[in-house]
Amino acid sequence: MTVKLYQFCISHYSEKARWALDYKGVNYKPINLLPGQHARTITQMTGADSSVPVLDHDGQIVQGSAQIVDYLDQMFPDNPLTPEDPILREQALEWEKKLDEQAGPAIRTWVYHYFLQRPKVVVPLLAAGTPFYNRILLSLAFSRVDEIMRKWMKINQKTADAAQQTLEQLVTELTDIYRQRPYLVGDRFSRADLAAAALLAPLFQPPQYPVPWPKPARIPKPVQSWLEEWRPKLEPIEALYQKHR
């Protein structure tokens, strides 16, 4: 059996897939791609869009973190991430969808808006896990990279401010729930918790994350100030991450 995960090291959606694989004890080979250059590789595999993560299981191609969780639960039923009870299953899927559609894009928009203003900081993050020369290539073409990323993900000050509000609402909601009970759905860890902790992981920067974050002094001030202020609210989510990761 050969399992490969095509990913960006920095991607929190890729972290969700990595965690699902690890949680189920599936041995896999990560294939780290460079943003931008990845498009041709991924579209040749999927015949569709170029988004990651993409799972290749002996030639069976699965694109998207939620779809990967579906596939893993089907093919590797041990340590299920989807509740069997129909009501709990629906609740878990609703939470996952909400977090995939709100938390994931919000973190990406907010963080990149500020980090793209510091090429020397963001280039190593984008190129993490790939050959060293990719840092040089990204640095040389950074103005174009910045332009493409901002256009593709609709990143600007207005969208970054809106994304920050979304994050604050979600973190507050999740923290209130986790302080009352250990899991979002039912009495065990599920894909809902996986989505919450994996997608929000960049905010509390766990040591298990494969991309070393820059030192606080190098993090853009608006981001660092927010992280310092909101760190206490992130603690229940970080505790969940450390317990199950």
Protein backbone atom coordinates (compact mmCIF):
# COMPACT_ATOMS: atom_id res chain seq x y z
CA MET A 1 0.00 0.00 0.00
CA THR A 2 1.29 3.42 -0.96
CA VAL A 3 -0.24 6.55 0.51
CA LYS A 4 1.02 9.98 -0.53
CA LEU A 5 -0.18 13.37 0.67
CA TYR A 6 0.44 16.27 -1.69
CA GLN A 7 0.51 19.38 0.44
CA PHE A 8 1.93 22.71 1.51
CA CYS A 9 3.69 22.41 4.86
CA ILE A 10 2.25 25.75 5.93
CA SER A 11 -1.33 24.88 4.97
CA HIS A 12 -3.74 24.41 7.87
CA TYR A 13 -6.01 22.38 5.59
CA SER A 14 -3.01 20.11 4.98
CA GLU A 15 -2.53 19.92 8.74
CA LYS A 16 -6.09 18.67 9.01
CA ALA A 17 -5.31 15.87 6.54
CA ARG A 18 -1.95 15.08 8.18
CA TRP A 19 -3.62 14.82 11.56
CA ALA A 20 -6.38 12.55 10.23
CA LEU A 21 -3.78 10.21 8.76
CA ASP A 22 -1.74 10.18 11.96
CA TYR A 23 -4.83 9.72 14.12
CA LYS A 24 -5.72 6.62 12.16
CA GLY A 25 -2.17 5.30 12.17
CA VAL A 26 -1.83 5.38 8.39
CA ASN A 27 1.74 5.53 7.15
CA TYR A 28 2.08 8.03 4.35
CA LYS A 29 4.66 9.99 2.40
CA PRO A 30 4.24 13.77 2.39
CA ILE A 31 4.95 15.42 -0.96
CA ASN A 32 5.75 19.04 -0.21
CA LEU A 33 4.93 21.45 -3.01
CA LEU A 34 5.79 25.08 -3.65
CA PRO A 35 2.74 27.36 -3.93
CA GLY A 36 2.31 28.42 -7.51
CA GLN A 37 4.47 25.72 -9.01
CA HIS A 38 2.13 23.14 -7.48
CA ALA A 39 -0.71 23.93 -9.88
CA ARG A 40 0.48 21.82 -12.79
CA THR A 41 1.19 18.80 -10.57
CA ILE A 42 -2.19 18.91 -8.86
CA THR A 43 -4.34 19.60 -11.93
CA GLN A 44 -2.69 16.73 -13.76
CA MET A 45 -3.70 14.45 -10.90
CA THR A 46 -7.21 15.72 -10.33
CA GLY A 47 -8.29 17.12 -13.68
CA ALA A 48 -9.89 19.89 -11.64
CA ASP A 49 -8.67 22.78 -9.51
CA SER A 50 -5.21 23.02 -7.98
CA SER A 51 -6.11 23.12 -4.30
CA VAL A 52 -4.30 21.01 -1.71
CA PRO A 53 -4.27 18.70 0.17
CA VAL A 54 -4.57 15.78 -2.26
CA LEU A 55 -4.34 12.14 -1.18
CA ASP A 56 -3.02 9.45 -3.51
CA HIS A 57 -3.81 5.95 -2.21
CA ASP A 58 -2.49 3.44 -4.71
CA GLY A 59 -3.74 5.62 -7.54
CA GLN A 60 -7.03 6.58 -5.91
CA ILE A 61 -7.02 10.39 -5.86
CA VAL A 62 -8.92 12.32 -3.19
CA GLN A 63 -8.86 16.13 -3.11
CA GLY A 64 -9.81 18.30 -0.15
CA SER A 65 -9.43 17.81 3.60
CA ALA A 66 -13.08 16.93 4.27
CA GLN A 67 -13.13 14.45 1.40
CA ILE A 68 -9.91 12.92 2.70
CA VAL A 69 -11.51 12.41 6.11
CA ASP A 70 -14.49 10.76 4.40
CA TYR A 71 -12.18 8.46 2.47
CA LEU A 72 -10.03 7.54 5.46
CA ASP A 73 -13.07 6.66 7.55
CA GLN A 74 -14.25 4.40 4.74
CA MET A 75 -10.94 2.70 3.98
CA PHE A 76 -9.39 2.73 7.46
CA PRO A 77 -12.34 2.38 9.86
CA ASP A 78 -10.25 2.15 13.06
CA ASN A 79 -10.34 5.33 15.15
CA PRO A 80 -13.34 6.76 13.29
CA LEU A 81 -13.62 10.53 12.97
CA THR A 82 -17.26 10.54 11.86
CA PRO A 83 -19.85 9.63 14.52
CA GLU A 84 -22.07 6.63 13.75
CA ASP A 85 -25.16 8.18 15.31
CA PRO A 86 -27.02 10.02 12.48
CA ILE A 87 -27.76 13.11 14.58
CA LEU A 88 -24.20 13.41 15.89
CA ARG A 89 -22.87 12.72 12.40
CA GLU A 90 -24.89 15.60 10.97
CA GLN A 91 -23.74 17.92 13.76
CA ALA A 92 -20.10 16.99 13.19
CA LEU A 93 -20.37 17.56 9.45
CA GLU A 94 -22.07 20.92 10.02
CA TRP A 95 -19.30 22.04 12.36
CA GLU A 96 -16.63 20.89 9.94
CA LYS A 97 -18.28 22.71 7.04
CA LYS A 98 -18.63 25.89 9.07
CA LEU A 99 -14.97 25.81 10.12
CA ASP A 100 -13.74 24.87 6.64
CA GLU A 101 -15.71 27.73 5.08
CA GLN A 102 -15.14 30.37 7.76
CA ALA A 103 -12.12 29.69 9.96
CA GLY A 104 -9.81 28.43 7.23
CA PRO A 105 -10.22 31.34 4.80
CA ALA A 106 -10.31 33.92 7.61
CA ILE A 107 -6.96 32.85 9.05
CA ARG A 108 -5.43 32.71 5.60
CA THR A 109 -6.68 36.17 4.63
CA TRP A 110 -5.78 37.84 7.90
CA VAL A 111 -2.34 36.33 8.35
CA TYR A 112 -1.20 36.68 4.75
CA HIS A 113 -2.34 40.31 4.53
CA TYR A 114 0.29 41.23 7.10
CA PHE A 115 2.92 38.59 6.40
CA LEU A 116 3.06 39.40 2.69
CA GLN A 117 4.28 42.83 3.75
CA ARG A 118 7.43 41.13 5.08
CA PRO A 119 8.96 39.07 2.24
CA LYS A 120 11.97 37.92 4.28
CA VAL A 121 9.62 36.45 6.86
CA VAL A 122 6.95 34.91 4.64
CA VAL A 123 9.16 33.39 1.92
CA PRO A 124 10.66 30.70 4.23
CA LEU A 125 7.14 29.85 5.42
CA LEU A 126 5.80 29.41 1.90
CA ALA A 127 8.82 27.36 0.79
CA ALA A 128 9.00 25.18 3.92
CA GLY A 129 9.76 21.53 3.24
CA THR A 130 10.86 22.15 -0.36
CA PRO A 131 14.41 22.40 -1.79
CA PHE A 132 16.41 25.41 -0.58
CA TYR A 133 16.55 27.06 -3.99
CA ASN A 134 12.81 27.66 -3.89
CA ARG A 135 13.41 30.41 -1.35
CA ILE A 136 15.61 32.15 -3.90
CA LEU A 137 13.05 31.72 -6.64
CA LEU A 138 10.25 33.08 -4.46
CA SER A 139 12.37 36.01 -3.33
CA LEU A 140 13.23 36.98 -6.88
CA ALA A 141 9.61 36.77 -8.01
CA PHE A 142 8.04 38.01 -4.80
CA SER A 143 6.30 41.09 -6.17
CA ARG A 144 4.46 38.85 -8.62
CA VAL A 145 3.75 36.25 -5.91
CA ASP A 146 2.32 38.95 -3.69
CA GLU A 147 0.12 40.23 -6.51
CA ILE A 148 -1.20 36.78 -7.42
CA MET A 149 -1.91 35.70 -3.84
CA ARG A 150 -3.74 38.90 -3.01
CA LYS A 151 -5.82 38.71 -6.17
CA TRP A 152 -6.59 34.98 -5.91
CA MET A 153 -7.53 35.08 -2.22
CA LYS A 154 -9.00 38.61 -2.32
CA ILE A 155 -6.59 39.85 0.33
CA ASN A 156 -6.63 43.52 1.27
CA GLN A 157 -7.06 45.63 4.40
CA LYS A 158 -10.84 45.51 4.24
CA THR A 159 -11.02 41.72 3.90
CA ALA A 160 -8.32 41.29 6.56
CA ASP A 161 -10.34 43.37 9.03
CA ALA A 162 -13.46 41.32 8.26
CA ALA A 163 -11.47 38.10 8.64
CA GLN A 164 -10.21 39.22 12.04
CA GLN A 165 -13.79 39.78 13.21
CA THR A 166 -14.75 36.32 11.95
CA LEU A 167 -11.85 34.76 13.84
CA GLU A 168 -12.73 36.53 17.05
CA GLN A 169 -16.34 35.37 16.82
CA LEU A 170 -15.35 31.77 16.10
CA VAL A 171 -12.66 31.61 18.78
CA THR A 172 -15.09 33.04 21.35
CA GLU A 173 -17.79 30.55 20.35
CA LEU A 174 -15.45 27.56 20.41
CA THR A 175 -13.80 28.55 23.67
CA ASP A 176 -17.16 28.91 25.41
CA ILE A 177 -18.13 25.41 24.26
CA TYR A 178 -14.82 23.75 25.16
CA ARG A 179 -14.92 25.23 28.63
CA GLN A 180 -18.27 23.51 29.18
CA ARG A 181 -17.54 20.15 27.57
CA PRO A 182 -14.52 18.33 26.11
CA TYR A 183 -15.81 17.92 22.53
CA LEU A 184 -17.99 19.81 20.08
CA VAL A 185 -20.14 16.79 19.30
CA GLY A 186 -20.95 13.81 21.50
CA ASP A 187 -18.51 12.36 24.00
CA ARG A 188 -15.46 11.67 21.81
CA PHE A 189 -13.05 13.37 19.46
CA SER A 190 -14.51 13.78 15.98
CA ARG A 191 -13.90 15.49 12.66
CA ALA A 192 -15.53 18.60 14.15
CA ASP A 193 -12.77 18.90 16.77
CA LEU A 194 -10.17 17.96 14.17
CA ALA A 195 -11.28 20.86 11.98
CA ALA A 196 -11.36 23.32 14.87
CA ALA A 197 -7.93 22.52 16.25
CA ALA A 198 -6.16 21.96 12.92
CA LEU A 199 -7.48 25.07 11.20
CA LEU A 200 -6.86 27.30 14.22
CA ALA A 201 -3.43 25.81 14.96
CA PRO A 202 -1.54 28.68 13.25
CA LEU A 203 -2.93 30.99 15.93
CA PHE A 204 -1.35 29.12 18.84
CA GLN A 205 1.65 27.79 16.91
CA PRO A 206 2.05 24.29 18.40
CA PRO A 207 5.54 22.76 18.23
CA GLN A 208 4.16 19.79 16.26
CA TYR A 209 3.31 22.06 13.33
CA PRO A 210 5.84 21.36 10.57
CA VAL A 211 6.58 25.03 9.84
CA PRO A 212 8.62 26.84 12.49
CA TRP A 213 7.05 30.21 13.08
CA PRO A 214 9.24 33.31 13.20
CA LYS A 215 10.22 34.78 16.53
CA PRO A 216 7.69 37.26 17.98
CA ALA A 217 9.84 40.24 17.02
CA ARG A 218 9.58 39.25 13.35
CA ILE A 219 5.83 38.69 13.34
CA PRO A 220 3.96 41.75 12.03
CA LYS A 221 2.86 43.89 14.95
CA PRO A 222 -0.93 43.69 14.34
CA VAL A 223 -0.73 39.89 14.32
CA GLN A 224 1.55 39.62 17.34
CA SER A 225 -0.56 42.06 19.37
CA TRP A 226 -3.68 40.05 18.58
CA LEU A 227 -2.01 36.75 19.46
CA GLU A 228 -0.89 38.11 22.83
CA GLU A 229 -4.37 39.44 23.61
CA TRP A 230 -6.27 36.34 22.50
CA ARG A 231 -3.88 33.65 23.71
CA PRO A 232 -5.93 32.93 26.88
CA LYS A 233 -9.04 32.24 24.78
CA LEU A 234 -7.10 29.91 22.53
CA GLU A 235 -5.91 27.75 25.45
CA PRO A 236 -8.85 25.26 25.42
CA ILE A 237 -8.37 24.71 21.68
CA GLU A 238 -4.63 24.30 22.11
CA ALA A 239 -5.25 21.81 24.92
CA LEU A 240 -7.47 19.77 22.59
CA TYR A 241 -4.73 19.83 19.96
CA GLN A 242 -2.10 18.63 22.41
CA LYS A 243 -4.34 15.90 23.78
CA HIS A 244 -5.15 14.30 20.44
CA ARG A 245 -2.33 15.29 18.11
